[in-house]
Amino acid sequence: MNTGQAGPKHVLFTVQGAPCALPADAVLGVERITSVALVPNTVDWVLGVVQAQGNIVSAVDFSSFLGMPPTQPTPQSRLIVTSRGPITVGLVVDTVEMRALDGTPSLGQGIMPEWARPFAGGMFDLGGKQTILFDPDKLLFSDRMKHYRA
């Protein structure tokens, strides 16, 4: 998608209305949510597994993972397949778009929601909305993501 803007590319998405972003280089793809195969003995924020980008990946209800109420996927929901090293997961989010963001994220930890702090790398002001920039390493290598047995 050519936005005509310069700067690093990011995948923008919403989680229960909160504007969020991931660096595009950590995103393998964005897909519609198809059938999810349930997996027993996992935490409630793991919806199951899906086939995405030629792999079987865990489908994570991202809002529930972050400690917010769980969401049910809708036709607008998308699966963001994100990867770092040996870890690949699909984050189920509300909506998605890809574009370049100008500027450098500020650390703005004072205004950042508590649920985002362990996994965020900063924030952007995007059209007057504070947008949380998730750090893929903090997210995917967190103890919570790596050890999700119930």
C-alpha atoms as a PDB file:
ATOM      1  CA  MET A   1       0.000   0.000   0.000  1.00  0.00           C
ATOM      2  CA  ASN A   2       1.559   3.295  -1.081  1.00  0.00           C
ATOM      3  CA  THR A   3       0.591   6.118   1.247  1.00  0.00           C
ATOM      4  CA  GLY A   4       2.888   8.722  -0.258  1.00  0.00           C
ATOM      5  CA  GLN A   5       4.466   9.314   3.141  1.00  0.00           C
ATOM      6  CA  ALA A   6       8.093   8.869   4.091  1.00  0.00           C
ATOM      7  CA  GLY A   7       9.326   7.261   7.265  1.00  0.00           C
ATOM      8  CA  PRO A   8       9.197   3.854   8.866  1.00  0.00           C
ATOM      9  CA  LYS A   9       6.200   1.725   7.997  1.00  0.00           C
ATOM     10  CA  HIS A  10       3.903   0.498  10.719  1.00  0.00           C
ATOM     11  CA  VAL A  11       0.828  -1.647  10.897  1.00  0.00           C
ATOM     12  CA  LEU A  12      -1.830   0.371  12.703  1.00  0.00           C
ATOM     13  CA  PHE A  13      -4.634  -1.411  14.484  1.00  0.00           C
ATOM     14  CA  THR A  14      -7.189  -0.950  17.214  1.00  0.00           C
ATOM     15  CA  VAL A  15      -7.780  -2.983  20.335  1.00  0.00           C
ATOM     16  CA  GLN A  16     -11.141  -2.148  21.904  1.00  0.00           C
ATOM     17  CA  GLY A  17     -10.950   1.268  20.281  1.00  0.00           C
ATOM     18  CA  ALA A  18      -7.402   2.032  21.444  1.00  0.00           C
ATOM     19  CA  PRO A  19      -5.125   3.030  18.529  1.00  0.00           C
ATOM     20  CA  CYS A  20      -2.004   0.855  18.420  1.00  0.00           C
ATOM     21  CA  ALA A  21       0.889   0.069  16.064  1.00  0.00           C
ATOM     22  CA  LEU A  22       3.576  -2.511  15.384  1.00  0.00           C
ATOM     23  CA  PRO A  23       6.657  -1.976  13.187  1.00  0.00           C
ATOM     24  CA  ALA A  24       5.919  -3.457   9.760  1.00  0.00           C
ATOM     25  CA  ASP A  25       9.184  -5.423   9.797  1.00  0.00           C
ATOM     26  CA  ALA A  26       7.776  -7.541  12.657  1.00  0.00           C
ATOM     27  CA  VAL A  27       4.583  -8.362  10.741  1.00  0.00           C
ATOM     28  CA  LEU A  28       4.549 -11.331   8.368  1.00  0.00           C
ATOM     29  CA  GLY A  29       1.023 -10.599   7.178  1.00  0.00           C
ATOM     30  CA  VAL A  30      -2.492  -9.549   7.981  1.00  0.00           C
ATOM     31  CA  GLU A  31      -5.331 -11.977   7.338  1.00  0.00           C
ATOM     32  CA  ARG A  32      -9.016 -12.396   7.843  1.00  0.00           C
ATOM     33  CA  ILE A  33      -9.843 -14.737  10.667  1.00  0.00           C
ATOM     34  CA  THR A  34     -10.869 -18.114   9.357  1.00  0.00           C
ATOM     35  CA  SER A  35     -11.661 -21.201  11.359  1.00  0.00           C
ATOM     36  CA  VAL A  36      -9.827 -21.469  14.637  1.00  0.00           C
ATOM     37  CA  ALA A  37      -9.028 -24.935  15.976  1.00  0.00           C
ATOM     38  CA  LEU A  38      -9.452 -25.049  19.736  1.00  0.00           C
ATOM     39  CA  VAL A  39      -6.502 -26.211  21.820  1.00  0.00           C
ATOM     40  CA  PRO A  40      -7.169 -27.694  25.270  1.00  0.00           C
ATOM     41  CA  ASN A  41      -5.258 -26.651  28.385  1.00  0.00           C
ATOM     42  CA  THR A  42      -4.310 -23.139  27.314  1.00  0.00           C
ATOM     43  CA  VAL A  43      -5.116 -19.796  28.881  1.00  0.00           C
ATOM     44  CA  ASP A  44      -8.343 -18.058  27.928  1.00  0.00           C
ATOM     45  CA  TRP A  45      -6.617 -15.462  25.731  1.00  0.00           C
ATOM     46  CA  VAL A  46      -5.414 -18.184  23.329  1.00  0.00           C
ATOM     47  CA  LEU A  47      -8.366 -18.725  21.020  1.00  0.00           C
ATOM     48  CA  GLY A  48      -6.715 -21.752  19.386  1.00  0.00           C
ATOM     49  CA  VAL A  49      -4.536 -22.276  16.336  1.00  0.00           C
ATOM     50  CA  VAL A  50      -4.954 -21.166  12.735  1.00  0.00           C
ATOM     51  CA  GLN A  51      -3.121 -21.692   9.491  1.00  0.00           C
ATOM     52  CA  ALA A  52      -1.521 -18.404   8.466  1.00  0.00           C
ATOM     53  CA  GLN A  53       1.389 -17.552   6.209  1.00  0.00           C
ATOM     54  CA  GLY A  54       1.948 -21.268   5.581  1.00  0.00           C
ATOM     55  CA  ASN A  55       2.356 -22.038   9.283  1.00  0.00           C
ATOM     56  CA  ILE A  56       0.200 -23.151  12.184  1.00  0.00           C
ATOM     57  CA  VAL A  57       0.176 -20.281  14.688  1.00  0.00           C
ATOM     58  CA  SER A  58      -1.552 -19.537  17.976  1.00  0.00           C
ATOM     59  CA  ALA A  59      -4.444 -17.100  17.600  1.00  0.00           C
ATOM     60  CA  VAL A  60      -4.258 -14.679  20.543  1.00  0.00           C
ATOM     61  CA  ASP A  61      -7.180 -12.489  21.609  1.00  0.00           C
ATOM     62  CA  PHE A  62      -4.921  -9.456  21.973  1.00  0.00           C
ATOM     63  CA  SER A  63      -7.305  -7.438  24.137  1.00  0.00           C
ATOM     64  CA  SER A  64      -7.672 -10.337  26.579  1.00  0.00           C
ATOM     65  CA  PHE A  65      -3.889 -10.901  26.562  1.00  0.00           C
ATOM     66  CA  LEU A  66      -3.470  -7.256  27.583  1.00  0.00           C
ATOM     67  CA  GLY A  67      -5.857  -7.697  30.509  1.00  0.00           C
ATOM     68  CA  MET A  68      -8.923  -6.101  28.925  1.00  0.00           C
ATOM     69  CA  PRO A  69     -12.239  -7.900  28.500  1.00  0.00           C
ATOM     70  CA  PRO A  70     -12.185 -10.576  25.786  1.00  0.00           C
ATOM     71  CA  THR A  71     -13.565  -9.744  22.366  1.00  0.00           C
ATOM     72  CA  GLN A  72     -15.387 -11.847  19.847  1.00  0.00           C
ATOM     73  CA  PRO A  73     -13.990 -11.604  16.305  1.00  0.00           C
ATOM     74  CA  THR A  74     -16.192  -9.671  13.865  1.00  0.00           C
ATOM     75  CA  PRO A  75     -16.025  -9.398  10.058  1.00  0.00           C
ATOM     76  CA  GLN A  76     -13.741  -6.344  10.548  1.00  0.00           C
ATOM     77  CA  SER A  77     -11.373  -8.207  12.905  1.00  0.00           C
ATOM     78  CA  ARG A  78      -8.005  -9.211  11.543  1.00  0.00           C
ATOM     79  CA  LEU A  79      -5.200 -11.566  12.473  1.00  0.00           C
ATOM     80  CA  ILE A  80      -1.820  -9.815  12.558  1.00  0.00           C
ATOM     81  CA  VAL A  81       0.832 -12.515  12.141  1.00  0.00           C
ATOM     82  CA  THR A  82       3.891 -11.223  13.950  1.00  0.00           C
ATOM     83  CA  SER A  83       7.235 -12.878  14.448  1.00  0.00           C
ATOM     84  CA  ARG A  84      10.573 -12.457  16.138  1.00  0.00           C
ATOM     85  CA  GLY A  85      13.106 -15.260  15.946  1.00  0.00           C
ATOM     86  CA  PRO A  86      11.500 -18.594  16.777  1.00  0.00           C
ATOM     87  CA  ILE A  87       8.211 -17.081  18.018  1.00  0.00           C
ATOM     88  CA  THR A  88       5.310 -16.468  15.646  1.00  0.00           C
ATOM     89  CA  VAL A  89       1.777 -15.657  16.808  1.00  0.00           C
ATOM     90  CA  GLY A  90      -1.411 -14.274  15.339  1.00  0.00           C
ATOM     91  CA  LEU A  91      -2.847 -11.310  17.231  1.00  0.00           C
ATOM     92  CA  VAL A  92      -6.610 -10.919  16.829  1.00  0.00           C
ATOM     93  CA  VAL A  93      -7.361  -7.182  16.692  1.00  0.00           C
ATOM     94  CA  ASP A  94     -10.372  -5.027  15.804  1.00  0.00           C
ATOM     95  CA  THR A  95      -9.201  -3.238  12.626  1.00  0.00           C
ATOM     96  CA  VAL A  96      -5.938  -2.838  10.665  1.00  0.00           C
ATOM     97  CA  GLU A  97      -4.268  -0.409   8.257  1.00  0.00           C
ATOM     98  CA  MET A  98      -0.666   0.050   7.103  1.00  0.00           C
ATOM     99  CA  ARG A  99       1.057   3.405   6.711  1.00  0.00           C
ATOM    100  CA  ALA A 100       4.205   5.394   7.376  1.00  0.00           C
ATOM    101  CA  LEU A 101       4.407   7.326  10.617  1.00  0.00           C
ATOM    102  CA  ASP A 102       6.317  10.575  10.852  1.00  0.00           C
ATOM    103  CA  GLY A 103       8.587  11.348  13.750  1.00  0.00           C
ATOM    104  CA  THR A 104       9.997   9.310  16.556  1.00  0.00           C
ATOM    105  CA  PRO A 105       7.861   7.732  19.251  1.00  0.00           C
ATOM    106  CA  SER A 106       7.961   9.500  22.572  1.00  0.00           C
ATOM    107  CA  LEU A 107       8.239   7.484  25.718  1.00  0.00           C
ATOM    108  CA  GLY A 108       5.182   9.223  27.232  1.00  0.00           C
ATOM    109  CA  GLN A 109       4.873   6.579  29.930  1.00  0.00           C
ATOM    110  CA  GLY A 110       2.831   8.951  32.096  1.00  0.00           C
ATOM    111  CA  ILE A 111      -0.080   8.894  29.647  1.00  0.00           C
ATOM    112  CA  MET A 112       0.330   5.345  28.441  1.00  0.00           C
ATOM    113  CA  PRO A 113      -2.366   2.933  29.656  1.00  0.00           C
ATOM    114  CA  GLU A 114      -1.156   0.572  32.359  1.00  0.00           C
ATOM    115  CA  TRP A 115      -2.105  -2.492  30.273  1.00  0.00           C
ATOM    116  CA  ALA A 116       0.290  -1.441  27.487  1.00  0.00           C
ATOM    117  CA  ARG A 117       3.371  -0.481  29.526  1.00  0.00           C
ATOM    118  CA  PRO A 118       5.054  -3.909  29.754  1.00  0.00           C
ATOM    119  CA  PHE A 119       4.934  -4.355  25.973  1.00  0.00           C
ATOM    120  CA  ALA A 120       5.210  -0.812  24.545  1.00  0.00           C
ATOM    121  CA  GLY A 121       8.170   0.985  23.048  1.00  0.00           C
ATOM    122  CA  GLY A 122       6.587   4.434  23.044  1.00  0.00           C
ATOM    123  CA  MET A 123       3.699   6.430  21.672  1.00  0.00           C
ATOM    124  CA  PHE A 124       2.910   8.480  18.573  1.00  0.00           C
ATOM    125  CA  ASP A 125       0.552  11.378  18.197  1.00  0.00           C
ATOM    126  CA  LEU A 126      -1.403  10.393  15.114  1.00  0.00           C
ATOM    127  CA  GLY A 127      -4.006  12.921  14.072  1.00  0.00           C
ATOM    128  CA  GLY A 128      -4.529  13.999  17.673  1.00  0.00           C
ATOM    129  CA  LYS A 129      -4.835  10.423  18.928  1.00  0.00           C
ATOM    130  CA  GLN A 130      -2.175   8.928  21.161  1.00  0.00           C
ATOM    131  CA  THR A 131      -1.152   5.706  19.415  1.00  0.00           C
ATOM    132  CA  ILE A 132       0.645   2.986  21.369  1.00  0.00           C
ATOM    133  CA  LEU A 133       3.687   1.580  19.590  1.00  0.00           C
ATOM    134  CA  PHE A 134       4.188  -2.015  20.722  1.00  0.00           C
ATOM    135  CA  ASP A 135       7.740  -3.349  20.849  1.00  0.00           C
ATOM    136  CA  PRO A 136       7.661  -6.792  19.189  1.00  0.00           C
ATOM    137  CA  ASP A 137      10.563  -8.070  21.306  1.00  0.00           C
ATOM    138  CA  LYS A 138       8.938  -7.025  24.591  1.00  0.00           C
ATOM    139  CA  LEU A 139       5.665  -8.538  23.427  1.00  0.00           C
ATOM    140  CA  LEU A 140       6.780 -11.844  21.930  1.00  0.00           C
ATOM    141  CA  PHE A 141       9.602 -12.594  24.377  1.00  0.00           C
ATOM    142  CA  SER A 142       7.562 -11.708  27.461  1.00  0.00           C
ATOM    143  CA  ASP A 143       7.175 -14.494  29.998  1.00  0.00           C
ATOM    144  CA  ARG A 144       3.431 -14.258  29.581  1.00  0.00           C
ATOM    145  CA  MET A 145       3.576 -14.933  25.817  1.00  0.00           C
ATOM    146  CA  LYS A 146       6.203 -17.660  26.033  1.00  0.00           C
ATOM    147  CA  HIS A 147       4.521 -19.648  28.845  1.00  0.00           C
ATOM    148  CA  TYR A 148       0.801 -19.729  28.301  1.00  0.00           C
ATOM    149  CA  ARG A 149      -0.325 -23.040  29.651  1.00  0.00           C
ATOM    150  CA  ALA A 150      -3.434 -22.874  31.818  1.00  0.00           C
END
